[in-house]
Amino acid sequence: MNKPTLSEARREYLDLMQAWLTGSLWHDGTCAPFAAPDYDAARRECGLDWPAEALTMIGVKRLANLRQLTQAIIATKVPGDLIETGVWRGGA
């Protein structure tokens, strides 16, 4: 087995964190009122459910977009700071 490169290891780590934050890693069910408590990957992908235990409710696609934008900011060395100022479990 080949040792992953630093960029591959970084990507795999960030993929793992994204799956963990959204609850996709363990198929965290929903706690939304009037919804079945089962995990629905399509709804979680778009942030259309209320994860029961996950740390974010924004969904996989939105979190992936924030990741891509943050990586672009770092790669192009844009000066300044980033701050997440959401409320409840926005998780951005």
N, C-alpha and C. Protein backbone atom coordinates (compact mmCIF):
# COMPACT_ATOMS: atom_id res chain seq x y z
N MET A 1 0.85 -1.19 0.00
CA MET A 1 0.00 0.00 0.00
C MET A 1 0.89 1.24 0.00
N ASN A 2 0.59 2.16 -0.90
CA ASN A 2 1.37 3.39 -1.00
C ASN A 2 0.96 4.39 0.06
N LYS A 3 1.94 5.11 0.54
CA LYS A 3 1.69 6.16 1.52
C LYS A 3 1.05 7.35 0.79
N PRO A 4 -0.05 7.90 1.32
CA PRO A 4 -0.69 9.03 0.63
C PRO A 4 0.18 10.27 0.68
N THR A 5 0.03 11.11 -0.32
CA THR A 5 0.74 12.39 -0.32
C THR A 5 0.08 13.30 0.71
N LEU A 6 0.75 14.38 1.01
CA LEU A 6 0.20 15.33 1.98
C LEU A 6 -1.15 15.88 1.50
N SER A 7 -1.26 16.21 0.23
CA SER A 7 -2.53 16.75 -0.26
C SER A 7 -3.64 15.71 -0.23
N GLU A 8 -3.31 14.44 -0.49
CA GLU A 8 -4.30 13.37 -0.40
C GLU A 8 -4.75 13.15 1.04
N ALA A 9 -3.79 13.16 1.96
CA ALA A 9 -4.12 13.00 3.37
C ALA A 9 -4.97 14.16 3.87
N ARG A 10 -4.66 15.37 3.43
CA ARG A 10 -5.44 16.55 3.81
C ARG A 10 -6.87 16.43 3.29
N ARG A 11 -7.02 16.03 2.02
CA ARG A 11 -8.35 15.87 1.42
C ARG A 11 -9.16 14.81 2.15
N GLU A 12 -8.52 13.68 2.45
CA GLU A 12 -9.23 12.60 3.16
C GLU A 12 -9.65 13.04 4.55
N TYR A 13 -8.78 13.79 5.24
CA TYR A 13 -9.12 14.29 6.57
C TYR A 13 -10.31 15.25 6.49
N LEU A 14 -10.28 16.18 5.53
CA LEU A 14 -11.37 17.14 5.40
C LEU A 14 -12.67 16.45 4.98
N ASP A 15 -12.58 15.41 4.14
CA ASP A 15 -13.76 14.62 3.79
C ASP A 15 -14.36 13.97 5.04
N LEU A 16 -13.49 13.42 5.88
CA LEU A 16 -13.94 12.79 7.12
C LEU A 16 -14.61 13.81 8.04
N MET A 17 -14.01 14.98 8.20
CA MET A 17 -14.59 16.02 9.05
C MET A 17 -15.94 16.49 8.52
N GLN A 18 -16.04 16.62 7.20
CA GLN A 18 -17.31 17.04 6.59
C GLN A 18 -18.40 15.99 6.86
N ALA A 19 -18.05 14.72 6.70
CA ALA A 19 -19.03 13.65 6.95
C ALA A 19 -19.42 13.60 8.42
N TRP A 20 -18.46 13.86 9.30
CA TRP A 20 -18.74 13.84 10.74
C TRP A 20 -19.61 15.04 11.14
N LEU A 21 -19.25 16.23 10.66
CA LEU A 21 -20.01 17.43 11.02
C LEU A 21 -21.47 17.37 10.56
N THR A 22 -21.71 16.77 9.40
CA THR A 22 -23.07 16.69 8.86
C THR A 22 -23.84 15.47 9.37
N GLY A 23 -23.16 14.56 10.06
CA GLY A 23 -23.81 13.34 10.54
C GLY A 23 -23.93 12.27 9.47
N SER A 24 -23.39 12.54 8.30
CA SER A 24 -23.44 11.57 7.20
C SER A 24 -22.58 10.35 7.50
N LEU A 25 -21.57 10.53 8.31
CA LEU A 25 -20.64 9.45 8.63
C LEU A 25 -21.35 8.28 9.32
N TRP A 26 -22.24 8.59 10.26
CA TRP A 26 -22.94 7.53 11.00
C TRP A 26 -24.44 7.49 10.70
N HIS A 27 -24.85 8.17 9.61
CA HIS A 27 -26.25 8.19 9.18
C HIS A 27 -27.17 8.65 10.31
N ASP A 28 -26.82 9.79 10.87
CA ASP A 28 -27.60 10.42 11.94
C ASP A 28 -29.02 10.70 11.46
N GLY A 29 -29.98 10.20 12.18
CA GLY A 29 -31.38 10.42 11.83
C GLY A 29 -31.80 11.86 12.00
N THR A 30 -33.03 12.14 11.69
CA THR A 30 -33.54 13.50 11.79
C THR A 30 -34.40 13.66 13.05
N CYS A 31 -34.46 14.88 13.53
CA CYS A 31 -35.35 15.19 14.66
C CYS A 31 -36.38 16.24 14.24
N ALA A 32 -36.55 16.39 12.94
CA ALA A 32 -37.50 17.37 12.42
C ALA A 32 -38.92 16.97 12.79
N PRO A 33 -39.72 17.93 13.21
CA PRO A 33 -41.12 17.60 13.49
C PRO A 33 -41.82 17.19 12.20
N PHE A 34 -42.73 16.28 12.33
CA PHE A 34 -43.53 15.80 11.20
C PHE A 34 -42.70 15.09 10.13
N ALA A 35 -41.58 14.51 10.53
CA ALA A 35 -40.74 13.76 9.57
C ALA A 35 -40.37 12.42 10.18
N ALA A 36 -40.17 11.44 9.33
CA ALA A 36 -39.71 10.14 9.80
C ALA A 36 -38.31 10.32 10.39
N PRO A 37 -37.97 9.60 11.46
CA PRO A 37 -36.68 9.80 12.13
C PRO A 37 -35.49 9.18 11.39
N ASP A 38 -35.72 8.61 10.23
CA ASP A 38 -34.66 7.93 9.51
C ASP A 38 -33.72 8.90 8.80
N TYR A 39 -32.49 8.44 8.57
CA TYR A 39 -31.51 9.19 7.80
C TYR A 39 -31.89 9.16 6.33
N ASP A 40 -31.87 10.31 5.68
CA ASP A 40 -32.16 10.42 4.26
C ASP A 40 -30.99 11.16 3.61
N ALA A 41 -30.14 10.41 2.89
CA ALA A 41 -28.92 10.98 2.31
C ALA A 41 -29.21 12.13 1.35
N ALA A 42 -30.27 12.02 0.56
CA ALA A 42 -30.59 13.07 -0.41
C ALA A 42 -30.98 14.37 0.30
N ARG A 43 -31.77 14.26 1.36
CA ARG A 43 -32.16 15.45 2.11
C ARG A 43 -30.96 16.04 2.86
N ARG A 44 -30.11 15.19 3.42
CA ARG A 44 -28.92 15.66 4.14
C ARG A 44 -27.95 16.35 3.19
N GLU A 45 -27.85 15.83 1.98
CA GLU A 45 -26.97 16.42 0.97
C GLU A 45 -27.31 17.89 0.75
N CYS A 46 -28.59 18.20 0.72
CA CYS A 46 -29.05 19.57 0.44
C CYS A 46 -29.38 20.37 1.69
N GLY A 47 -29.21 19.78 2.86
CA GLY A 47 -29.52 20.49 4.10
C GLY A 47 -31.01 20.69 4.33
N LEU A 48 -31.80 19.71 3.92
CA LEU A 48 -33.26 19.83 4.02
C LEU A 48 -33.85 19.05 5.19
N ASP A 49 -33.01 18.66 6.14
CA ASP A 49 -33.53 17.97 7.32
C ASP A 49 -32.89 18.56 8.57
N TRP A 50 -33.32 18.08 9.72
CA TRP A 50 -32.76 18.51 10.99
C TRP A 50 -32.04 17.32 11.60
N PRO A 51 -30.72 17.24 11.45
CA PRO A 51 -30.00 16.12 12.04
C PRO A 51 -30.22 16.07 13.55
N ALA A 52 -30.36 14.87 14.07
CA ALA A 52 -30.61 14.71 15.50
C ALA A 52 -29.39 15.07 16.35
N GLU A 53 -28.20 14.71 15.90
CA GLU A 53 -27.00 14.93 16.70
C GLU A 53 -25.87 15.65 15.98
N ALA A 54 -25.92 15.75 14.67
CA ALA A 54 -24.83 16.37 13.91
C ALA A 54 -24.62 17.81 14.36
N LEU A 55 -23.41 18.31 14.14
CA LEU A 55 -23.06 19.64 14.58
C LEU A 55 -23.43 20.74 13.59
N THR A 56 -23.88 20.37 12.41
CA THR A 56 -24.30 21.35 11.44
C THR A 56 -25.60 20.91 10.78
N MET A 57 -26.36 21.87 10.34
CA MET A 57 -27.62 21.59 9.65
C MET A 57 -27.59 22.14 8.22
N ILE A 58 -26.44 22.65 7.76
CA ILE A 58 -26.40 23.29 6.45
C ILE A 58 -26.33 22.31 5.29
N GLY A 59 -26.04 21.07 5.56
CA GLY A 59 -26.01 20.06 4.51
C GLY A 59 -24.63 19.91 3.88
N VAL A 60 -24.47 18.80 3.21
CA VAL A 60 -23.18 18.42 2.63
C VAL A 60 -22.77 19.39 1.52
N LYS A 61 -23.67 19.75 0.63
CA LYS A 61 -23.33 20.63 -0.49
C LYS A 61 -22.88 22.01 -0.03
N ARG A 62 -23.59 22.60 0.91
CA ARG A 62 -23.22 23.93 1.39
C ARG A 62 -21.89 23.90 2.14
N LEU A 63 -21.69 22.85 2.94
CA LEU A 63 -20.43 22.72 3.66
C LEU A 63 -19.27 22.52 2.68
N ALA A 64 -19.48 21.74 1.64
CA ALA A 64 -18.45 21.54 0.61
C ALA A 64 -18.14 22.86 -0.10
N ASN A 65 -19.16 23.68 -0.33
CA ASN A 65 -18.94 24.98 -0.96
C ASN A 65 -18.10 25.88 -0.05
N LEU A 66 -18.41 25.91 1.23
CA LEU A 66 -17.62 26.72 2.17
C LEU A 66 -16.17 26.23 2.23
N ARG A 67 -16.01 24.93 2.18
CA ARG A 67 -14.66 24.35 2.18
C ARG A 67 -13.90 24.80 0.94
N GLN A 68 -14.54 24.72 -0.22
CA GLN A 68 -13.90 25.12 -1.48
C GLN A 68 -13.52 26.61 -1.45
N LEU A 69 -14.42 27.44 -0.98
CA LEU A 69 -14.15 28.87 -0.91
C LEU A 69 -13.02 29.18 0.07
N THR A 70 -13.01 28.51 1.20
CA THR A 70 -11.95 28.72 2.19
C THR A 70 -10.60 28.27 1.63
N GLN A 71 -10.58 27.14 0.93
CA GLN A 71 -9.34 26.67 0.32
C GLN A 71 -8.84 27.66 -0.73
N ALA A 72 -9.75 28.27 -1.49
CA ALA A 72 -9.36 29.26 -2.50
C ALA A 72 -8.78 30.51 -1.83
N ILE A 73 -9.38 30.92 -0.72
CA ILE A 73 -8.87 32.08 0.02
C ILE A 73 -7.45 31.81 0.53
N ILE A 74 -7.23 30.63 1.06
CA ILE A 74 -5.90 30.26 1.55
C ILE A 74 -4.90 30.17 0.41
N ALA A 75 -5.30 29.52 -0.70
CA ALA A 75 -4.40 29.33 -1.84
C ALA A 75 -3.99 30.65 -2.48
N THR A 76 -4.90 31.62 -2.52
CA THR A 76 -4.59 32.92 -3.15
C THR A 76 -4.09 33.95 -2.14
N LYS A 77 -3.96 33.52 -0.89
CA LYS A 77 -3.40 34.36 0.18
C LYS A 77 -4.14 35.68 0.35
N VAL A 78 -5.47 35.60 0.37
CA VAL A 78 -6.29 36.78 0.62
C VAL A 78 -6.06 37.21 2.07
N PRO A 79 -5.72 38.46 2.30
CA PRO A 79 -5.47 38.90 3.68
C PRO A 79 -6.77 39.03 4.47
N GLY A 80 -6.67 38.88 5.78
CA GLY A 80 -7.83 39.06 6.64
C GLY A 80 -8.12 37.81 7.45
N ASP A 81 -9.26 37.82 8.10
CA ASP A 81 -9.68 36.73 8.97
C ASP A 81 -11.02 36.18 8.52
N LEU A 82 -11.29 34.94 8.95
CA LEU A 82 -12.59 34.32 8.73
C LEU A 82 -13.26 34.15 10.08
N ILE A 83 -14.56 34.36 10.11
CA ILE A 83 -15.30 34.14 11.35
C ILE A 83 -16.64 33.50 11.01
N GLU A 84 -17.04 32.55 11.81
CA GLU A 84 -18.36 31.92 11.65
C GLU A 84 -19.25 32.53 12.70
N THR A 85 -20.30 33.22 12.26
CA THR A 85 -21.16 33.95 13.19
C THR A 85 -22.59 33.46 13.15
N GLY A 86 -22.76 32.20 12.78
CA GLY A 86 -24.10 31.63 12.72
C GLY A 86 -24.69 31.41 14.11
N VAL A 87 -25.92 30.97 14.12
CA VAL A 87 -26.62 30.69 15.36
C VAL A 87 -27.12 29.26 15.36
N TRP A 88 -27.45 28.77 16.51
CA TRP A 88 -27.96 27.43 16.73
C TRP A 88 -27.03 26.40 16.13
N ARG A 89 -27.48 25.61 15.16
CA ARG A 89 -26.60 24.61 14.55
C ARG A 89 -26.41 24.87 13.06
N GLY A 90 -26.18 26.12 12.72
CA GLY A 90 -25.90 26.45 11.33
C GLY A 90 -24.63 25.77 10.86
N GLY A 91 -23.64 25.75 11.72
CA GLY A 91 -22.42 25.00 11.48
C GLY A 91 -21.59 25.45 10.31
N ALA A 92 -21.75 26.67 9.88
CA ALA A 92 -20.96 27.12 8.75
C ALA A 92 -19.55 27.44 9.19
